[in-house]
Amino acid sequence: MMVKLKPIHTEDDYKEAMQTLAALWGSPEGSLESDQLDILATLIEKYEEDHFPMDIPDPVDAILFRMEQQGLTRKDLEPMLGTRNRVSEVLNRRRGMSIEMIRALHDRLQIPAEVLIKPSKTPA
């Protein structure tokens, strides 16, 4: 299936590209269709970045999400954040994180640094 690839400028272009993507999905690796799928996915990704930007998550929300993903407890954060009290203060948004805490969370939990350095929401 030969597809005419073109830039995505409008919502209609985007819808058409998504339909074409669905048609090309599962193409054999190394085929012309697979190459077209890669190019089309790149075009779609660029359009989505420009038109549907995603906010960087709150750092505490990101930590809580990663804890849930990995089955971690607050005690598991103590080597990265300090005492039990310190962990509680950070997770309850009563204390900001030091650069050492951010580095430890980034290294051990693989949370992007740009997420961790963002100011956290104010406590509820």
PDB file of N, CA and C in Angstrom:
ATOM      1  N   MET A   1       0.850  -1.177   0.000  1.00  0.00           N
ATOM      2  CA  MET A   1       0.000   0.000   0.000  1.00  0.00           C
ATOM      3  C   MET A   1       0.892   1.236   0.000  1.00  0.00           C
ATOM      4  N   MET A   2       0.908   1.947  -1.074  1.00  0.00           N
ATOM      5  CA  MET A   2       1.708   3.172  -1.188  1.00  0.00           C
ATOM      6  C   MET A   2       0.892   4.334  -0.635  1.00  0.00           C
ATOM      7  N   VAL A   3       1.478   5.079   0.290  1.00  0.00           N
ATOM      8  CA  VAL A   3       0.787   6.190   0.941  1.00  0.00           C
ATOM      9  C   VAL A   3       1.483   7.485   0.564  1.00  0.00           C
ATOM     10  N   LYS A   4       0.694   8.500   0.274  1.00  0.00           N
ATOM     11  CA  LYS A   4       1.256   9.823  -0.005  1.00  0.00           C
ATOM     12  C   LYS A   4       1.422  10.539   1.334  1.00  0.00           C
ATOM     13  N   LEU A   5       2.662  10.763   1.727  1.00  0.00           N
ATOM     14  CA  LEU A   5       2.950  11.428   2.997  1.00  0.00           C
ATOM     15  C   LEU A   5       3.030  12.931   2.774  1.00  0.00           C
ATOM     16  N   LYS A   6       2.463  13.685   3.727  1.00  0.00           N
ATOM     17  CA  LYS A   6       2.475  15.144   3.626  1.00  0.00           C
ATOM     18  C   LYS A   6       2.472  15.723   5.038  1.00  0.00           C
ATOM     19  N   PRO A   7       2.891  16.967   5.175  1.00  0.00           N
ATOM     20  CA  PRO A   7       2.861  17.594   6.504  1.00  0.00           C
ATOM     21  C   PRO A   7       1.436  17.653   7.053  1.00  0.00           C
ATOM     22  N   ILE A   8       1.334  17.680   8.367  1.00  0.00           N
ATOM     23  CA  ILE A   8       0.031  17.762   9.027  1.00  0.00           C
ATOM     24  C   ILE A   8      -0.135  19.192   9.528  1.00  0.00           C
ATOM     25  N   HIS A   9      -1.067  19.912   8.907  1.00  0.00           N
ATOM     26  CA  HIS A   9      -1.289  21.318   9.257  1.00  0.00           C
ATOM     27  C   HIS A   9      -2.618  21.558   9.958  1.00  0.00           C
ATOM     28  N   THR A  10      -3.624  20.755   9.643  1.00  0.00           N
ATOM     29  CA  THR A  10      -4.976  21.012  10.140  1.00  0.00           C
ATOM     30  C   THR A  10      -5.499  19.798  10.901  1.00  0.00           C
ATOM     31  N   GLU A  11      -6.621  19.992  11.576  1.00  0.00           N
ATOM     32  CA  GLU A  11      -7.280  18.892  12.280  1.00  0.00           C
ATOM     33  C   GLU A  11      -7.702  17.800  11.297  1.00  0.00           C
ATOM     34  N   ASP A  12      -8.152  18.201  10.106  1.00  0.00           N
ATOM     35  CA  ASP A  12      -8.519  17.210   9.084  1.00  0.00           C
ATOM     36  C   ASP A  12      -7.306  16.407   8.623  1.00  0.00           C
ATOM     37  N   ASP A  13      -6.163  17.097   8.437  1.00  0.00           N
ATOM     38  CA  ASP A  13      -4.918  16.402   8.089  1.00  0.00           C
ATOM     39  C   ASP A  13      -4.559  15.381   9.170  1.00  0.00           C
ATOM     40  N   TYR A  14      -4.742  15.796  10.413  1.00  0.00           N
ATOM     41  CA  TYR A  14      -4.415  14.943  11.562  1.00  0.00           C
ATOM     42  C   TYR A  14      -5.300  13.694  11.575  1.00  0.00           C
ATOM     43  N   LYS A  15      -6.603  13.887  11.378  1.00  0.00           N
ATOM     44  CA  LYS A  15      -7.530  12.751  11.358  1.00  0.00           C
ATOM     45  C   LYS A  15      -7.178  11.778  10.233  1.00  0.00           C
ATOM     46  N   GLU A  16      -6.860  12.337   9.076  1.00  0.00           N
ATOM     47  CA  GLU A  16      -6.473  11.498   7.934  1.00  0.00           C
ATOM     48  C   GLU A  16      -5.181  10.728   8.240  1.00  0.00           C
ATOM     49  N   ALA A  17      -4.236  11.400   8.860  1.00  0.00           N
ATOM     50  CA  ALA A  17      -2.968  10.753   9.215  1.00  0.00           C
ATOM     51  C   ALA A  17      -3.196   9.617  10.208  1.00  0.00           C
ATOM     52  N   MET A  18      -4.098   9.817  11.163  1.00  0.00           N
ATOM     53  CA  MET A  18      -4.385   8.778  12.148  1.00  0.00           C
ATOM     54  C   MET A  18      -5.038   7.563  11.479  1.00  0.00           C
ATOM     55  N   GLN A  19      -5.890   7.793  10.504  1.00  0.00           N
ATOM     56  CA  GLN A  19      -6.506   6.684   9.764  1.00  0.00           C
ATOM     57  C   GLN A  19      -5.450   5.922   8.961  1.00  0.00           C
ATOM     58  N   THR A  20      -4.555   6.670   8.351  1.00  0.00           N
ATOM     59  CA  THR A  20      -3.478   6.039   7.580  1.00  0.00           C
ATOM     60  C   THR A  20      -2.558   5.256   8.497  1.00  0.00           C
ATOM     61  N   LEU A  21      -2.270   5.811   9.654  1.00  0.00           N
ATOM     62  CA  LEU A  21      -1.433   5.123  10.645  1.00  0.00           C
ATOM     63  C   LEU A  21      -2.059   3.782  11.011  1.00  0.00           C
ATOM     64  N   ALA A  22      -3.360   3.774  11.251  1.00  0.00           N
ATOM     65  CA  ALA A  22      -4.052   2.529  11.603  1.00  0.00           C
ATOM     66  C   ALA A  22      -3.947   1.503  10.473  1.00  0.00           C
ATOM     67  N   ALA A  23      -4.039   1.986   9.239  1.00  0.00           N
ATOM     68  CA  ALA A  23      -3.954   1.081   8.086  1.00  0.00           C
ATOM     69  C   ALA A  23      -2.556   0.490   7.931  1.00  0.00           C
ATOM     70  N   LEU A  24      -1.531   1.268   8.286  1.00  0.00           N
ATOM     71  CA  LEU A  24      -0.147   0.813   8.137  1.00  0.00           C
ATOM     72  C   LEU A  24       0.341   0.000   9.341  1.00  0.00           C
ATOM     73  N   TRP A  25      -0.404   0.065  10.440  1.00  0.00           N
ATOM     74  CA  TRP A  25       0.038  -0.579  11.689  1.00  0.00           C
ATOM     75  C   TRP A  25       0.260  -2.071  11.466  1.00  0.00           C
ATOM     76  N   GLY A  26       1.375  -2.582  11.958  1.00  0.00           N
ATOM     77  CA  GLY A  26       1.686  -4.003  11.831  1.00  0.00           C
ATOM     78  C   GLY A  26       2.393  -4.364  10.544  1.00  0.00           C
ATOM     79  N   SER A  27       2.814  -3.358   9.768  1.00  0.00           N
ATOM     80  CA  SER A  27       3.535  -3.639   8.523  1.00  0.00           C
ATOM     81  C   SER A  27       4.841  -4.368   8.839  1.00  0.00           C
ATOM     82  N   PRO A  28       5.235  -5.291   7.975  1.00  0.00           N
ATOM     83  CA  PRO A  28       6.474  -6.047   8.216  1.00  0.00           C
ATOM     84  C   PRO A  28       7.695  -5.119   8.288  1.00  0.00           C
ATOM     85  N   GLU A  29       8.534  -5.373   9.260  1.00  0.00           N
ATOM     86  CA  GLU A  29       9.765  -4.597   9.445  1.00  0.00           C
ATOM     87  C   GLU A  29      10.592  -4.612   8.164  1.00  0.00           C
ATOM     88  N   GLY A  30      11.096  -3.439   7.782  1.00  0.00           N
ATOM     89  CA  GLY A  30      11.928  -3.323   6.594  1.00  0.00           C
ATOM     90  C   GLY A  30      11.154  -3.096   5.301  1.00  0.00           C
ATOM     91  N   SER A  31       9.838  -3.170   5.371  1.00  0.00           N
ATOM     92  CA  SER A  31       9.037  -2.949   4.163  1.00  0.00           C
ATOM     93  C   SER A  31       8.850  -1.456   3.922  1.00  0.00           C
ATOM     94  N   LEU A  32       8.431  -1.099   2.721  1.00  0.00           N
ATOM     95  CA  LEU A  32       8.132   0.288   2.385  1.00  0.00           C
ATOM     96  C   LEU A  32       7.060   0.830   3.321  1.00  0.00           C
ATOM     97  N   GLU A  33       6.042   0.001   3.600  1.00  0.00           N
ATOM     98  CA  GLU A  33       4.962   0.418   4.492  1.00  0.00           C
ATOM     99  C   GLU A  33       5.477   0.703   5.900  1.00  0.00           C
ATOM    100  N   SER A  34       6.416  -0.112   6.359  1.00  0.00           N
ATOM    101  CA  SER A  34       7.000   0.103   7.685  1.00  0.00           C
ATOM    102  C   SER A  34       7.757   1.431   7.734  1.00  0.00           C
ATOM    103  N   ASP A  35       8.482   1.736   6.677  1.00  0.00           N
ATOM    104  CA  ASP A  35       9.199   3.013   6.599  1.00  0.00           C
ATOM    105  C   ASP A  35       8.211   4.178   6.586  1.00  0.00           C
ATOM    106  N   GLN A  36       7.120   4.016   5.831  1.00  0.00           N
ATOM    107  CA  GLN A  36       6.091   5.065   5.789  1.00  0.00           C
ATOM    108  C   GLN A  36       5.445   5.230   7.165  1.00  0.00           C
ATOM    109  N   LEU A  37       5.236   4.128   7.864  1.00  0.00           N
ATOM    110  CA  LEU A  37       4.675   4.169   9.212  1.00  0.00           C
ATOM    111  C   LEU A  37       5.583   4.974  10.138  1.00  0.00           C
ATOM    112  N   ASP A  38       6.888   4.753  10.078  1.00  0.00           N
ATOM    113  CA  ASP A  38       7.842   5.496  10.908  1.00  0.00           C
ATOM    114  C   ASP A  38       7.791   6.993  10.615  1.00  0.00           C
ATOM    115  N   ILE A  39       7.760   7.336   9.334  1.00  0.00           N
ATOM    116  CA  ILE A  39       7.720   8.753   8.947  1.00  0.00           C
ATOM    117  C   ILE A  39       6.405   9.386   9.396  1.00  0.00           C
ATOM    118  N   LEU A  40       5.312   8.696   9.175  1.00  0.00           N
ATOM    119  CA  LEU A  40       4.000   9.218   9.559  1.00  0.00           C
ATOM    120  C   LEU A  40       3.903   9.387  11.072  1.00  0.00           C
ATOM    121  N   ALA A  41       4.435   8.446  11.827  1.00  0.00           N
ATOM    122  CA  ALA A  41       4.416   8.553  13.296  1.00  0.00           C
ATOM    123  C   ALA A  41       5.188   9.779  13.750  1.00  0.00           C
ATOM    124  N   THR A  42       6.286  10.088  13.088  1.00  0.00           N
ATOM    125  CA  THR A  42       7.069  11.280  13.414  1.00  0.00           C
ATOM    126  C   THR A  42       6.273  12.551  13.116  1.00  0.00           C
ATOM    127  N   LEU A  43       5.597  12.576  11.979  1.00  0.00           N
ATOM    128  CA  LEU A  43       4.764  13.733  11.630  1.00  0.00           C
ATOM    129  C   LEU A  43       3.627  13.922  12.639  1.00  0.00           C
ATOM    130  N   ILE A  44       2.990  12.828  13.019  1.00  0.00           N
ATOM    131  CA  ILE A  44       1.905  12.890  13.997  1.00  0.00           C
ATOM    132  C   ILE A  44       2.428  13.362  15.348  1.00  0.00           C
ATOM    133  N   GLU A  45       3.566  12.831  15.770  1.00  0.00           N
ATOM    134  CA  GLU A  45       4.155  13.225  17.047  1.00  0.00           C
ATOM    135  C   GLU A  45       4.435  14.729  17.078  1.00  0.00           C
ATOM    136  N   LYS A  46       4.974  15.265  16.004  1.00  0.00           N
ATOM    137  CA  LYS A  46       5.262  16.700  15.925  1.00  0.00           C
ATOM    138  C   LYS A  46       3.972  17.517  16.011  1.00  0.00           C
ATOM    139  N   TYR A  47       2.941  17.102  15.283  1.00  0.00           N
ATOM    140  CA  TYR A  47       1.659  17.810  15.320  1.00  0.00           C
ATOM    141  C   TYR A  47       1.081  17.784  16.740  1.00  0.00           C
ATOM    142  N   GLU A  48       1.133  16.624  17.390  1.00  0.00           N
ATOM    143  CA  GLU A  48       0.587  16.499  18.744  1.00  0.00           C
ATOM    144  C   GLU A  48       1.374  17.341  19.748  1.00  0.00           C
ATOM    145  N   GLU A  49       2.686  17.377  19.614  1.00  0.00           N
ATOM    146  CA  GLU A  49       3.498  18.215  20.502  1.00  0.00           C
ATOM    147  C   GLU A  49       3.117  19.686  20.376  1.00  0.00           C
ATOM    148  N   ASP A  50       2.857  20.128  19.154  1.00  0.00           N
ATOM    149  CA  ASP A  50       2.521  21.524  18.901  1.00  0.00           C
ATOM    150  C   ASP A  50       1.088  21.874  19.300  1.00  0.00           C
ATOM    151  N   HIS A  51       0.167  20.922  19.135  1.00  0.00           N
ATOM    152  CA  HIS A  51      -1.249  21.226  19.330  1.00  0.00           C
ATOM    153  C   HIS A  51      -1.857  20.658  20.616  1.00  0.00           C
ATOM    154  N   PHE A  52      -1.222  19.669  21.205  1.00  0.00           N
ATOM    155  CA  PHE A  52      -1.722  19.059  22.433  1.00  0.00           C
ATOM    156  C   PHE A  52      -0.589  18.923  23.445  1.00  0.00           C
ATOM    157  N   PRO A  53       0.044  20.047  23.833  1.00  0.00           N
ATOM    158  CA  PRO A  53       1.188  19.929  24.742  1.00  0.00           C
ATOM    159  C   PRO A  53       0.766  19.352  26.094  1.00  0.00           C
ATOM    160  N   MET A  54       1.641  18.567  26.660  1.00  0.00           N
ATOM    161  CA  MET A  54       1.379  17.969  27.969  1.00  0.00           C
ATOM    162  C   MET A  54       2.174  18.723  29.021  1.00  0.00           C
ATOM    163  N   ASP A  55       1.504  19.034  30.109  1.00  0.00           N
ATOM    164  CA  ASP A  55       2.188  19.682  31.216  1.00  0.00           C
ATOM    165  C   ASP A  55       3.087  18.681  31.920  1.00  0.00           C
ATOM    166  N   ILE A  56       4.182  19.185  32.439  1.00  0.00           N
ATOM    167  CA  ILE A  56       5.056  18.352  33.259  1.00  0.00           C
ATOM    168  C   ILE A  56       4.313  18.083  34.563  1.00  0.00           C
ATOM    169  N   PRO A  57       4.293  16.838  35.027  1.00  0.00           N
ATOM    170  CA  PRO A  57       3.548  16.537  36.254  1.00  0.00           C
ATOM    171  C   PRO A  57       4.175  17.178  37.489  1.00  0.00           C
ATOM    172  N   ASP A  58       3.361  17.314  38.507  1.00  0.00           N
ATOM    173  CA  ASP A  58       3.827  17.785  39.794  1.00  0.00           C
ATOM    174  C   ASP A  58       4.860  16.781  40.330  1.00  0.00           C
ATOM    175  N   PRO A  59       5.962  17.246  40.936  1.00  0.00           N
ATOM    176  CA  PRO A  59       6.996  16.316  41.400  1.00  0.00           C
ATOM    177  C   PRO A  59       6.487  15.303  42.428  1.00  0.00           C
ATOM    178  N   VAL A  60       5.679  15.751  43.374  1.00  0.00           N
ATOM    179  CA  VAL A  60       5.181  14.819  44.393  1.00  0.00           C
ATOM    180  C   VAL A  60       4.248  13.793  43.755  1.00  0.00           C
ATOM    181  N   ASP A  61       3.408  14.239  42.827  1.00  0.00           N
ATOM    182  CA  ASP A  61       2.539  13.295  42.116  1.00  0.00           C
ATOM    183  C   ASP A  61       3.368  12.260  41.359  1.00  0.00           C
ATOM    184  N   ALA A  62       4.468  12.707  40.761  1.00  0.00           N
ATOM    185  CA  ALA A  62       5.348  11.790  40.018  1.00  0.00           C
ATOM    186  C   ALA A  62       5.992  10.769  40.968  1.00  0.00           C
ATOM    187  N   ILE A  63       6.408  11.224  42.145  1.00  0.00           N
ATOM    188  CA  ILE A  63       7.007  10.311  43.131  1.00  0.00           C
ATOM    189  C   ILE A  63       5.966   9.291  43.591  1.00  0.00           C
ATOM    190  N   LEU A  64       4.767   9.772  43.919  1.00  0.00           N
ATOM    191  CA  LEU A  64       3.701   8.868  44.384  1.00  0.00           C
ATOM    192  C   LEU A  64       3.329   7.855  43.298  1.00  0.00           C
ATOM    193  N   PHE A  65       3.289   8.308  42.050  1.00  0.00           N
ATOM    194  CA  PHE A  65       2.987   7.409  40.937  1.00  0.00           C
ATOM    195  C   PHE A  65       4.058   6.329  40.819  1.00  0.00           C
ATOM    196  N   ARG A  66       5.332   6.741  40.891  1.00  0.00           N
ATOM    197  CA  ARG A  66       6.425   5.766  40.779  1.00  0.00           C
ATOM    198  C   ARG A  66       6.415   4.799  41.960  1.00  0.00           C
ATOM    199  N   MET A  67       6.080   5.308  43.154  1.00  0.00           N
ATOM    200  CA  MET A  67       5.984   4.428  44.321  1.00  0.00           C
ATOM    201  C   MET A  67       4.915   3.359  44.084  1.00  0.00           C
ATOM    202  N   GLU A  68       3.778   3.781  43.550  1.00  0.00           N
ATOM    203  CA  GLU A  68       2.693   2.836  43.282  1.00  0.00           C
ATOM    204  C   GLU A  68       3.113   1.824  42.229  1.00  0.00           C
ATOM    205  N   GLN A  69       3.766   2.295  41.168  1.00  0.00           N
ATOM    206  CA  GLN A  69       4.227   1.403  40.097  1.00  0.00           C
ATOM    207  C   GLN A  69       5.159   0.332  40.628  1.00  0.00           C
ATOM    208  N   GLN A  70       6.066   0.735  41.522  1.00  0.00           N
ATOM    209  CA  GLN A  70       7.105  -0.178  41.987  1.00  0.00           C
ATOM    210  C   GLN A  70       6.781  -0.828  43.330  1.00  0.00           C
ATOM    211  N   GLY A  71       5.602  -0.543  43.868  1.00  0.00           N
ATOM    212  CA  GLY A  71       5.216  -1.140  45.147  1.00  0.00           C
ATOM    213  C   GLY A  71       6.077  -0.657  46.303  1.00  0.00           C
ATOM    214  N   LEU A  72       6.491   0.606  46.254  1.00  0.00           N
ATOM    215  CA  LEU A  72       7.361   1.156  47.296  1.00  0.00           C
ATOM    216  C   LEU A  72       6.539   1.766  48.431  1.00  0.00           C
ATOM    217  N   THR A  73       7.133   1.786  49.602  1.00  0.00           N
ATOM    218  CA  THR A  73       6.526   2.432  50.757  1.00  0.00           C
ATOM    219  C   THR A  73       7.293   3.708  51.066  1.00  0.00           C
ATOM    220  N   ARG A  74       6.738   4.493  51.990  1.00  0.00           N
ATOM    221  CA  ARG A  74       7.434   5.709  52.416  1.00  0.00           C
ATOM    222  C   ARG A  74       8.807   5.364  52.996  1.00  0.00           C
ATOM    223  N   LYS A  75       8.891   4.243  53.679  1.00  0.00           N
ATOM    224  CA  LYS A  75      10.168   3.818  54.265  1.00  0.00           C
ATOM    225  C   LYS A  75      11.220   3.598  53.177  1.00  0.00           C
ATOM    226  N   ASP A  76      10.782   3.130  52.002  1.00  0.00           N
ATOM    227  CA  ASP A  76      11.715   2.915  50.888  1.00  0.00           C
ATOM    228  C   ASP A  76      12.325   4.224  50.386  1.00  0.00           C
ATOM    229  N   LEU A  77      11.678   5.343  50.667  1.00  0.00           N
ATOM    230  CA  LEU A  77      12.193   6.641  50.225  1.00  0.00           C
ATOM    231  C   LEU A  77      13.213   7.236  51.193  1.00  0.00           C
ATOM    232  N   GLU A  78      13.302   6.695  52.380  1.00  0.00           N
ATOM    233  CA  GLU A  78      14.205   7.259  53.383  1.00  0.00           C
ATOM    234  C   GLU A  78      15.659   7.350  52.919  1.00  0.00           C
ATOM    235  N   PRO A  79      16.202   6.342  52.222  1.00  0.00           N
ATOM    236  CA  PRO A  79      17.590   6.491  51.754  1.00  0.00           C
ATOM    237  C   PRO A  79      17.773   7.654  50.769  1.00  0.00           C
ATOM    238  N   MET A  80      16.694   8.044  50.096  1.00  0.00           N
ATOM    239  CA  MET A  80      16.775   9.119  49.109  1.00  0.00           C
ATOM    240  C   MET A  80      16.426  10.479  49.692  1.00  0.00           C
ATOM    241  N   LEU A  81      15.508  10.507  50.662  1.00  0.00           N
ATOM    242  CA  LEU A  81      15.012  11.785  51.175  1.00  0.00           C
ATOM    243  C   LEU A  81      15.447  12.084  52.607  1.00  0.00           C
ATOM    244  N   GLY A  82      15.828  11.081  53.355  1.00  0.00           N
ATOM    245  CA  GLY A  82      16.242  11.309  54.737  1.00  0.00           C
ATOM    246  C   GLY A  82      15.317  10.599  55.713  1.00  0.00           C
ATOM    247  N   THR A  83      15.098  11.220  56.833  1.00  0.00           N
ATOM    248  CA  THR A  83      14.316  10.600  57.904  1.00  0.00           C
ATOM    249  C   THR A  83      12.858  10.393  57.504  1.00  0.00           C
ATOM    250  N   ARG A  84      12.159   9.609  58.327  1.00  0.00           N
ATOM    251  CA  ARG A  84      10.734   9.367  58.105  1.00  0.00           C
ATOM    252  C   ARG A  84       9.971  10.682  58.109  1.00  0.00           C
ATOM    253  N   ASN A  85      10.365  11.570  59.017  1.00  0.00           N
ATOM    254  CA  ASN A  85       9.751  12.893  59.101  1.00  0.00           C
ATOM    255  C   ASN A  85       9.965  13.685  57.803  1.00  0.00           C
ATOM    256  N   ARG A  86      11.172  13.638  57.283  1.00  0.00           N
ATOM    257  CA  ARG A  86      11.510  14.360  56.053  1.00  0.00           C
ATOM    258  C   ARG A  86      10.712  13.822  54.877  1.00  0.00           C
ATOM    259  N   VAL A  87      10.584  12.503  54.775  1.00  0.00           N
ATOM    260  CA  VAL A  87       9.790  11.891  53.713  1.00  0.00           C
ATOM    261  C   VAL A  87       8.351  12.397  53.793  1.00  0.00           C
ATOM    262  N   SER A  88       7.803  12.401  54.996  1.00  0.00           N
ATOM    263  CA  SER A  88       6.441  12.869  55.200  1.00  0.00           C
ATOM    264  C   SER A  88       6.291  14.329  54.790  1.00  0.00           C
ATOM    265  N   GLU A  89       7.230  15.168  55.165  1.00  0.00           N
ATOM    266  CA  GLU A  89       7.176  16.591  54.817  1.00  0.00           C
ATOM    267  C   GLU A  89       7.202  16.795  53.302  1.00  0.00           C
ATOM    268  N   VAL A  90       8.063  16.059  52.611  1.00  0.00           N
ATOM    269  CA  VAL A  90       8.159  16.188  51.151  1.00  0.00           C
ATOM    270  C   VAL A  90       6.870  15.710  50.491  1.00  0.00           C
ATOM    271  N   LEU A  91       6.386  14.526  50.883  1.00  0.00           N
ATOM    272  CA  LEU A  91       5.201  13.958  50.246  1.00  0.00           C
ATOM    273  C   LEU A  91       3.924  14.736  50.573  1.00  0.00           C
ATOM    274  N   ASN A  92       3.932  15.451  51.695  1.00  0.00           N
ATOM    275  CA  ASN A  92       2.786  16.289  52.061  1.00  0.00           C
ATOM    276  C   ASN A  92       2.970  17.734  51.604  1.00  0.00           C
ATOM    277  N   ARG A  93       4.018  17.957  50.813  1.00  0.00           N
ATOM    278  CA  ARG A  93       4.298  19.256  50.191  1.00  0.00           C
ATOM    279  C   ARG A  93       4.559  20.368  51.209  1.00  0.00           C
ATOM    280  N   ARG A  94       5.089  19.992  52.349  1.00  0.00           N
ATOM    281  CA  ARG A  94       5.443  21.000  53.351  1.00  0.00           C
ATOM    282  C   ARG A  94       6.929  21.353  53.290  1.00  0.00           C
ATOM    283  N   ARG A  95       7.690  20.601  52.514  1.00  0.00           N
ATOM    284  CA  ARG A  95       9.123  20.844  52.369  1.00  0.00           C
ATOM    285  C   ARG A  95       9.511  20.606  50.926  1.00  0.00           C
ATOM    286  N   GLY A  96      10.310  21.524  50.399  1.00  0.00           N
ATOM    287  CA  GLY A  96      10.858  21.331  49.068  1.00  0.00           C
ATOM    288  C   GLY A  96      11.989  20.317  49.100  1.00  0.00           C
ATOM    289  N   MET A  97      12.399  19.885  47.925  1.00  0.00           N
ATOM    290  CA  MET A  97      13.483  18.907  47.848  1.00  0.00           C
ATOM    291  C   MET A  97      14.810  19.596  47.572  1.00  0.00           C
ATOM    292  N   SER A  98      15.841  19.100  48.214  1.00  0.00           N
ATOM    293  CA  SER A  98      17.192  19.596  47.957  1.00  0.00           C
ATOM    294  C   SER A  98      17.697  18.979  46.655  1.00  0.00           C
ATOM    295  N   ILE A  99      18.768  19.532  46.150  1.00  0.00           N
ATOM    296  CA  ILE A  99      19.366  18.996  44.927  1.00  0.00           C
ATOM    297  C   ILE A  99      19.825  17.550  45.142  1.00  0.00           C
ATOM    298  N   GLU A 100      20.279  17.235  46.361  1.00  0.00           N
ATOM    299  CA  GLU A 100      20.705  15.861  46.652  1.00  0.00           C
ATOM    300  C   GLU A 100      19.524  14.898  46.596  1.00  0.00           C
ATOM    301  N   MET A 101      18.379  15.340  47.122  1.00  0.00           N
ATOM    302  CA  MET A 101      17.172  14.510  47.069  1.00  0.00           C
ATOM    303  C   MET A 101      16.749  14.284  45.621  1.00  0.00           C
ATOM    304  N   ILE A 102      16.760  15.362  44.847  1.00  0.00           N
ATOM    305  CA  ILE A 102      16.366  15.273  43.434  1.00  0.00           C
ATOM    306  C   ILE A 102      17.278  14.314  42.687  1.00  0.00           C
ATOM    307  N   ARG A 103      18.561  14.419  42.924  1.00  0.00           N
ATOM    308  CA  ARG A 103      19.511  13.515  42.254  1.00  0.00           C
ATOM    309  C   ARG A 103      19.254  12.065  42.648  1.00  0.00           C
ATOM    310  N   ALA A 104      19.016  11.829  43.938  1.00  0.00           N
ATOM    311  CA  ALA A 104      18.790  10.460  44.409  1.00  0.00           C
ATOM    312  C   ALA A 104      17.511   9.879  43.802  1.00  0.00           C
ATOM    313  N   LEU A 105      16.444  10.663  43.784  1.00  0.00           N
ATOM    314  CA  LEU A 105      15.189  10.183  43.195  1.00  0.00           C
ATOM    315  C   LEU A 105      15.343   9.932  41.698  1.00  0.00           C
ATOM    316  N   HIS A 106      16.050  10.825  41.037  1.00  0.00           N
ATOM    317  CA  HIS A 106      16.295  10.654  39.594  1.00  0.00           C
ATOM    318  C   HIS A 106      17.102   9.375  39.338  1.00  0.00           C
ATOM    319  N   ASP A 107      18.180   9.191  40.094  1.00  0.00           N
ATOM    320  CA  ASP A 107      19.051   8.028  39.889  1.00  0.00           C
ATOM    321  C   ASP A 107      18.369   6.715  40.244  1.00  0.00           C
ATOM    322  N   ARG A 108      17.682   6.677  41.377  1.00  0.00           N
ATOM    323  CA  ARG A 108      17.142   5.413  41.867  1.00  0.00           C
ATOM    324  C   ARG A 108      15.753   5.086  41.337  1.00  0.00           C
ATOM    325  N   LEU A 109      14.931   6.105  41.097  1.00  0.00           N
ATOM    326  CA  LEU A 109      13.567   5.846  40.638  1.00  0.00           C
ATOM    327  C   LEU A 109      13.364   6.185  39.162  1.00  0.00           C
ATOM    328  N   GLN A 110      14.397   6.736  38.535  1.00  0.00           N
ATOM    329  CA  GLN A 110      14.340   7.088  37.114  1.00  0.00           C
ATOM    330  C   GLN A 110      13.231   8.089  36.797  1.00  0.00           C
ATOM    331  N   ILE A 111      12.998   9.013  37.725  1.00  0.00           N
ATOM    332  CA  ILE A 111      12.054  10.098  37.474  1.00  0.00           C
ATOM    333  C   ILE A 111      12.847  11.206  36.799  1.00  0.00           C
ATOM    334  N   PRO A 112      12.380  11.741  35.662  1.00  0.00           N
ATOM    335  CA  PRO A 112      13.141  12.786  34.972  1.00  0.00           C
ATOM    336  C   PRO A 112      13.419  13.990  35.884  1.00  0.00           C
ATOM    337  N   ALA A 113      14.631  14.496  35.810  1.00  0.00           N
ATOM    338  CA  ALA A 113      15.031  15.631  36.641  1.00  0.00           C
ATOM    339  C   ALA A 113      14.151  16.851  36.389  1.00  0.00           C
ATOM    340  N   GLU A 114      13.731  17.072  35.128  1.00  0.00           N
ATOM    341  CA  GLU A 114      12.903  18.245  34.841  1.00  0.00           C
ATOM    342  C   GLU A 114      11.558  18.177  35.554  1.00  0.00           C
ATOM    343  N   VAL A 115      11.098  16.975  35.876  1.00  0.00           N
ATOM    344  CA  VAL A 115       9.865  16.821  36.665  1.00  0.00           C
ATOM    345  C   VAL A 115      10.154  17.153  38.126  1.00  0.00           C
ATOM    346  N   LEU A 116      11.262  16.641  38.641  1.00  0.00           N
ATOM    347  CA  LEU A 116      11.566  16.807  40.067  1.00  0.00           C
ATOM    348  C   LEU A 116      11.922  18.237  40.453  1.00  0.00           C
ATOM    349  N   ILE A 117      12.472  19.025  39.530  1.00  0.00           N
ATOM    350  CA  ILE A 117      12.867  20.391  39.881  1.00  0.00           C
ATOM    351  C   ILE A 117      11.707  21.383  39.798  1.00  0.00           C
ATOM    352  N   LYS A 118      10.597  20.953  39.210  1.00  0.00           N
ATOM    353  CA  LYS A 118       9.432  21.838  39.095  1.00  0.00           C
ATOM    354  C   LYS A 118       8.874  22.111  40.486  1.00  0.00           C
ATOM    355  N   PRO A 119       8.439  23.347  40.751  1.00  0.00           N
ATOM    356  CA  PRO A 119       7.817  23.608  42.056  1.00  0.00           C
ATOM    357  C   PRO A 119       6.561  22.763  42.234  1.00  0.00           C
ATOM    358  N   SER A 120       6.392  22.244  43.429  1.00  0.00           N
ATOM    359  CA  SER A 120       5.247  21.414  43.725  1.00  0.00           C
ATOM    360  C   SER A 120       4.021  22.261  44.026  1.00  0.00           C
ATOM    361  N   LYS A 121       2.842  21.661  43.850  1.00  0.00           N
ATOM    362  CA  LYS A 121       1.607  22.341  44.223  1.00  0.00           C
ATOM    363  C   LYS A 121       1.660  22.676  45.708  1.00  0.00           C
ATOM    364  N   THR A 122       0.909  23.664  46.101  1.00  0.00           N
ATOM    365  CA  THR A 122       0.852  23.997  47.520  1.00  0.00           C
ATOM    366  C   THR A 122       0.044  22.934  48.247  1.00  0.00           C
ATOM    367  N   PRO A 123       0.334  22.736  49.529  1.00  0.00           N
ATOM    368  CA  PRO A 123      -0.391  21.698  50.277  1.00  0.00           C
ATOM    369  C   PRO A 123      -1.893  22.001  50.339  1.00  0.00           C
ATOM    370  N   ALA A 124      -2.665  20.934  50.370  1.00  0.00           N
ATOM    371  CA  ALA A 124      -4.133  21.090  50.411  1.00  0.00           C
ATOM    372  C   ALA A 124      -4.604  21.526  51.781  1.00  0.00           C
TER     373      ALA A 124
END
